[in-house]
Amino acid sequence: MESGASSSSLPPDPMSDACARFYRTHAELWRFIGFVSDLALRVDDMARLASEAVPPGVSGRPVGGGAQQTPSTEGAMARTLRGQRHVFLHMVLARVVDSYLAYLAELTVLLAVNNPRALGPGEGVPLELLVEHDSVDEVVDALVRDCVFQLASSGLEPLERWVADRFGFALFVEDTVRDRIARLIEIRNLIARHRGLATRRFAGSDREGRVRPGQPVELAVDRLFSDSSLLARSVTDIDVRASDQFDLPRATTPALPIG
């Protein structure tokens, strides 16, 4: 299979369990998005049909016709969804990026369980982790997950360097892919910690100069689809290369097809 950002966003075959879980979550999320959009349109259609079935005056339509009788091409539900699209798109992006980070955490857990010494003596284990979990594998899982998300909260570079230093593995082979994903993680962090509002630092890094500090970060639907596909392709690329380098265990449950 071809690796790299240009590869298909379909799941690799074979794949790790971490990769299969990412793709199942990915498929579930986009099915939910389709459901919400379809529901809004169906509710508007039902309201329009019900309004047309009731006599004028009773339904709220004026008696005697006129320009007001022409139904709106966009219903109330669709207008509401469009008006709140930045909230909805922020939720979707945060979910997609969190799923991506969860994949990186689960992949790192696989590497750490197979080579626990790679974590190094500086990786302190909090006492509460030892008390809460029943096995070394569970402690490693919790420790690595916390570490990955904590590193990601500062951006992609610390996480990328941490994985490379401990396991000798490069998360990315193309700078353009790394840069786009770093930007997505930065937006995710703004959503999580700043209500999705742009900071001065984030606005200053916008090359097109369209971002304003204190304003919601604008997301476009088509770009969100593209970014989501990019993350999926990155997972495929990472999983193929990591499986080749570390001989990762194969998935026991297949990923659901995306469509």
Protein backbone atom coordinates (compact mmCIF):
# COMPACT_ATOMS: atom_id res chain seq x y z
CA MET A 1 0.00 0.00 0.00
CA GLU A 2 1.19 3.50 -0.82
CA SER A 3 1.92 5.60 2.25
CA GLY A 4 1.98 9.35 2.64
CA ALA A 5 -0.54 12.17 2.54
CA SER A 6 -1.55 11.41 -1.02
CA SER A 7 -2.83 7.93 -0.15
CA SER A 8 -6.52 7.09 0.05
CA SER A 9 -8.43 7.90 3.23
CA LEU A 10 -9.79 4.35 3.31
CA PRO A 11 -8.57 2.19 6.21
CA PRO A 12 -5.38 0.25 5.52
CA ASP A 13 -5.57 -3.52 5.36
CA PRO A 14 -4.27 -4.90 7.64
CA MET A 15 -4.35 -2.29 10.40
CA SER A 16 -3.87 -1.94 14.14
CA ASP A 17 -6.76 -1.94 16.63
CA ALA A 18 -6.04 1.75 17.26
CA CYS A 19 -6.50 2.49 13.56
CA ALA A 20 -9.72 0.45 13.39
CA ARG A 21 -11.16 2.36 16.36
CA PHE A 22 -10.30 5.68 14.71
CA TYR A 23 -12.09 4.75 11.49
CA ARG A 24 -15.16 3.43 13.32
CA THR A 25 -15.41 6.71 15.25
CA HIS A 26 -14.79 8.65 12.04
CA ALA A 27 -17.63 6.88 10.24
CA GLU A 28 -20.02 7.30 13.18
CA LEU A 29 -19.32 11.04 13.36
CA TRP A 30 -20.02 11.69 9.69
CA ARG A 31 -23.16 9.58 9.81
CA PHE A 32 -24.34 11.75 12.70
CA ILE A 33 -23.58 14.93 10.76
CA GLY A 34 -25.57 13.62 7.81
CA PHE A 35 -28.42 12.68 10.16
CA VAL A 36 -28.59 16.17 11.69
CA SER A 37 -28.56 17.87 8.29
CA ASP A 38 -31.16 15.49 6.88
CA LEU A 39 -33.35 15.91 9.96
CA ALA A 40 -33.35 19.71 9.62
CA LEU A 41 -34.43 19.45 5.98
CA ARG A 42 -37.10 16.85 6.73
CA VAL A 43 -38.61 18.93 9.53
CA ASP A 44 -38.77 21.94 7.21
CA ASP A 45 -40.41 19.83 4.50
CA MET A 46 -42.98 18.51 6.97
CA ALA A 47 -43.77 22.03 8.18
CA ARG A 48 -44.17 23.26 4.60
CA LEU A 49 -46.42 20.35 3.62
CA ALA A 50 -48.54 20.77 6.76
CA SER A 51 -48.86 24.50 6.11
CA GLU A 52 -49.99 23.91 2.52
CA ALA A 53 -52.53 21.30 3.61
CA VAL A 54 -54.30 23.66 6.04
CA PRO A 55 -56.63 26.36 4.61
CA PRO A 56 -55.22 29.89 4.34
CA GLY A 57 -55.82 31.98 7.44
CA VAL A 58 -55.66 28.92 9.69
CA SER A 59 -52.12 28.01 8.70
CA GLY A 60 -50.86 31.56 9.01
CA ARG A 61 -50.72 32.14 5.27
CA PRO A 62 -52.61 35.25 4.18
CA VAL A 63 -56.04 34.87 2.60
CA GLY A 64 -56.24 36.07 -1.00
CA GLY A 65 -52.72 35.23 -2.14
CA GLY A 66 -50.05 37.81 -2.73
CA ALA A 67 -46.29 37.78 -2.69
CA GLN A 68 -46.22 36.57 0.92
CA GLN A 69 -47.73 33.29 -0.20
CA THR A 70 -44.51 32.17 -1.88
CA PRO A 71 -42.81 29.76 0.53
CA SER A 72 -39.24 30.43 1.56
CA THR A 73 -36.66 28.30 -0.20
CA GLU A 74 -34.99 27.71 3.17
CA GLY A 75 -36.98 26.52 6.17
CA ALA A 76 -36.69 27.65 9.78
CA MET A 77 -34.66 24.62 10.85
CA ALA A 78 -32.18 25.05 8.01
CA ARG A 79 -31.87 28.77 8.75
CA THR A 80 -31.23 28.04 12.43
CA LEU A 81 -28.61 25.44 11.59
CA ARG A 82 -26.96 27.84 9.15
CA GLY A 83 -27.04 30.66 11.69
CA GLN A 84 -25.31 28.50 14.29
CA ARG A 85 -22.99 26.74 11.87
CA HIS A 86 -19.81 27.99 13.54
CA VAL A 87 -20.89 26.30 16.81
CA PHE A 88 -21.74 23.07 14.99
CA LEU A 89 -18.56 23.08 12.91
CA HIS A 90 -16.45 23.81 16.00
CA MET A 91 -17.96 20.77 17.72
CA VAL A 92 -17.27 18.57 14.69
CA LEU A 93 -13.67 19.75 14.27
CA ALA A 94 -12.92 19.29 17.97
CA ARG A 95 -14.35 15.78 17.83
CA VAL A 96 -12.36 14.85 14.71
CA VAL A 97 -9.09 16.17 16.12
CA ASP A 98 -9.70 14.52 19.52
CA SER A 99 -10.24 11.22 17.73
CA TYR A 100 -6.96 11.76 15.87
CA LEU A 101 -5.12 12.49 19.12
CA ALA A 102 -6.75 9.43 20.70
CA TYR A 103 -5.34 7.35 17.84
CA LEU A 104 -1.85 8.76 18.46
CA ALA A 105 -2.24 8.00 22.16
CA GLU A 106 -3.37 4.42 21.52
CA LEU A 107 -0.58 3.88 19.00
CA THR A 108 1.96 5.20 21.51
CA VAL A 109 0.53 2.86 24.15
CA LEU A 110 1.19 -0.07 21.81
CA LEU A 111 4.78 1.08 21.35
CA ALA A 112 5.26 1.67 25.08
CA VAL A 113 3.83 -1.69 26.15
CA ASN A 114 6.21 -3.44 23.77
CA ASN A 115 9.13 -1.28 24.92
CA PRO A 116 8.35 0.17 28.39
CA ARG A 117 11.96 1.31 28.94
CA ALA A 118 11.49 3.82 26.12
CA LEU A 119 9.38 5.94 28.46
CA GLY A 120 12.53 6.70 30.40
CA PRO A 121 13.20 7.27 34.11
CA GLY A 122 11.81 10.80 33.91
CA GLU A 123 8.26 9.54 33.31
CA GLY A 124 6.95 9.64 36.83
CA VAL A 125 3.91 7.53 37.65
CA PRO A 126 1.42 9.28 39.97
CA LEU A 127 0.39 7.20 42.96
CA GLU A 128 -3.30 7.51 42.07
CA LEU A 129 -2.66 5.70 38.77
CA LEU A 130 -1.14 2.76 40.60
CA VAL A 131 -4.13 2.65 42.95
CA GLU A 132 -6.80 3.00 40.24
CA HIS A 133 -5.52 0.32 37.85
CA ASP A 134 -5.00 -3.41 38.22
CA SER A 135 -2.19 -4.07 35.75
CA VAL A 136 0.98 -2.53 34.38
CA ASP A 137 -0.61 -2.32 30.91
CA GLU A 138 -3.49 -0.25 32.29
CA VAL A 139 -1.08 2.09 34.07
CA VAL A 140 0.97 2.56 30.88
CA ASP A 141 -2.25 3.20 28.93
CA ALA A 142 -3.44 5.90 31.33
CA LEU A 143 0.00 7.47 31.65
CA VAL A 144 0.62 7.69 27.91
CA ARG A 145 -2.87 8.98 27.11
CA ASP A 146 -2.53 11.78 29.66
CA CYS A 147 0.92 12.61 28.34
CA VAL A 148 -0.17 12.73 24.68
CA PHE A 149 -3.10 15.05 25.31
CA GLN A 150 -1.05 17.24 27.63
CA LEU A 151 1.68 17.59 25.03
CA ALA A 152 -0.89 18.29 22.31
CA SER A 153 -2.36 21.10 24.39
CA SER A 154 0.88 22.99 23.67
CA GLY A 155 0.82 22.16 19.98
CA LEU A 156 1.92 19.36 17.70
CA GLU A 157 5.69 19.91 17.86
CA PRO A 158 6.19 18.77 21.50
CA LEU A 159 4.19 15.60 20.84
CA GLU A 160 6.03 14.87 17.59
CA ARG A 161 9.41 15.33 19.31
CA TRP A 162 8.37 13.18 22.30
CA VAL A 163 7.41 10.24 20.08
CA ALA A 164 10.58 10.59 17.99
CA ASP A 165 12.88 10.78 21.04
CA ARG A 166 11.40 7.75 22.78
CA PHE A 167 10.55 5.42 19.94
CA GLY A 168 12.64 6.64 17.01
CA PHE A 169 9.49 7.07 14.92
CA ALA A 170 8.53 10.07 12.77
CA LEU A 171 4.82 10.87 12.84
CA PHE A 172 5.05 12.72 9.52
CA VAL A 173 7.04 12.39 6.33
CA GLU A 174 5.72 15.57 4.67
CA ASP A 175 6.05 19.07 6.11
CA THR A 176 2.84 20.26 4.46
CA VAL A 177 0.83 17.56 6.22
CA ARG A 178 2.48 18.35 9.55
CA ASP A 179 1.77 22.06 9.18
CA ARG A 180 -1.92 21.57 8.36
CA ILE A 181 -2.46 19.14 11.22
CA ALA A 182 -0.61 21.45 13.60
CA ARG A 183 -3.03 24.22 12.63
CA LEU A 184 -6.03 21.94 13.22
CA ILE A 185 -4.74 21.02 16.69
CA GLU A 186 -4.25 24.71 17.41
CA ILE A 187 -7.86 25.41 16.44
CA ARG A 188 -9.01 22.47 18.57
CA ASN A 189 -7.16 23.96 21.54
CA LEU A 190 -8.88 27.31 20.98
CA ILE A 191 -12.25 25.57 20.95
CA ALA A 192 -11.43 23.68 24.14
CA ARG A 193 -9.86 26.56 26.09
CA HIS A 194 -11.02 29.83 24.49
CA ARG A 195 -14.60 29.07 23.40
CA GLY A 196 -13.41 28.96 19.82
CA LEU A 197 -12.33 32.61 19.85
CA ALA A 198 -9.11 33.62 18.13
CA THR A 199 -6.27 34.83 20.32
CA ARG A 200 -3.85 37.55 19.22
CA ARG A 201 -1.18 34.93 18.64
CA PHE A 202 -3.48 32.82 16.47
CA ALA A 203 -4.71 35.84 14.50
CA GLY A 204 -1.13 37.02 13.99
CA SER A 205 -0.20 33.67 12.42
CA ASP A 206 -3.01 33.88 9.84
CA ARG A 207 -1.27 34.52 6.52
CA GLU A 208 -4.43 35.81 4.83
CA GLY A 209 -5.15 38.30 7.61
CA ARG A 210 -8.84 37.39 7.87
CA VAL A 211 -8.78 36.26 11.51
CA ARG A 212 -9.53 38.88 14.16
CA PRO A 213 -8.65 38.48 17.86
CA GLY A 214 -11.71 37.81 20.01
CA GLN A 215 -13.82 36.65 17.06
CA PRO A 216 -14.95 33.04 16.48
CA VAL A 217 -12.61 31.07 14.23
CA GLU A 218 -14.54 30.69 10.99
CA LEU A 219 -14.71 27.20 9.51
CA ALA A 220 -16.04 26.24 6.09
CA VAL A 221 -17.94 23.00 5.48
CA ASP A 222 -15.91 22.02 2.41
CA ARG A 223 -12.62 22.74 4.19
CA LEU A 224 -13.78 20.71 7.20
CA PHE A 225 -14.41 17.74 4.91
CA SER A 226 -10.94 18.21 3.43
CA ASP A 227 -9.30 18.51 6.86
CA SER A 228 -11.14 15.44 8.11
CA SER A 229 -9.93 13.44 5.11
CA LEU A 230 -6.40 14.70 5.74
CA LEU A 231 -6.48 13.39 9.31
CA ALA A 232 -7.77 10.03 8.10
CA ARG A 233 -5.02 9.79 5.48
CA SER A 234 -2.47 10.68 8.13
CA VAL A 235 -3.73 7.88 10.38
CA THR A 236 -3.46 5.43 7.48
CA ASP A 237 0.08 6.58 6.68
CA ILE A 238 1.24 6.45 10.31
CA ASP A 239 -0.33 3.05 10.90
CA VAL A 240 1.23 1.49 7.80
CA ARG A 241 4.70 2.79 8.64
CA ALA A 242 4.46 1.98 12.36
CA SER A 243 3.20 -1.53 11.60
CA ASP A 244 6.14 -2.11 9.27
CA GLN A 245 8.68 -0.71 11.74
CA PHE A 246 7.35 -2.25 14.97
CA ASP A 247 5.32 -5.24 13.75
CA LEU A 248 2.17 -4.03 15.55
CA PRO A 249 -0.60 -6.48 16.44
CA ARG A 250 -3.34 -6.55 13.83
CA ALA A 251 -6.91 -5.44 14.45
CA THR A 252 -9.22 -8.05 15.90
CA THR A 253 -12.35 -6.17 14.80
CA PRO A 254 -12.55 -4.65 11.30
CA ALA A 255 -13.21 -0.96 10.80
CA LEU A 256 -16.59 0.05 9.46
CA PRO A 257 -16.48 1.34 5.85
CA ILE A 258 -16.86 5.08 5.43
CA GLY A 259 -19.63 6.16 3.13
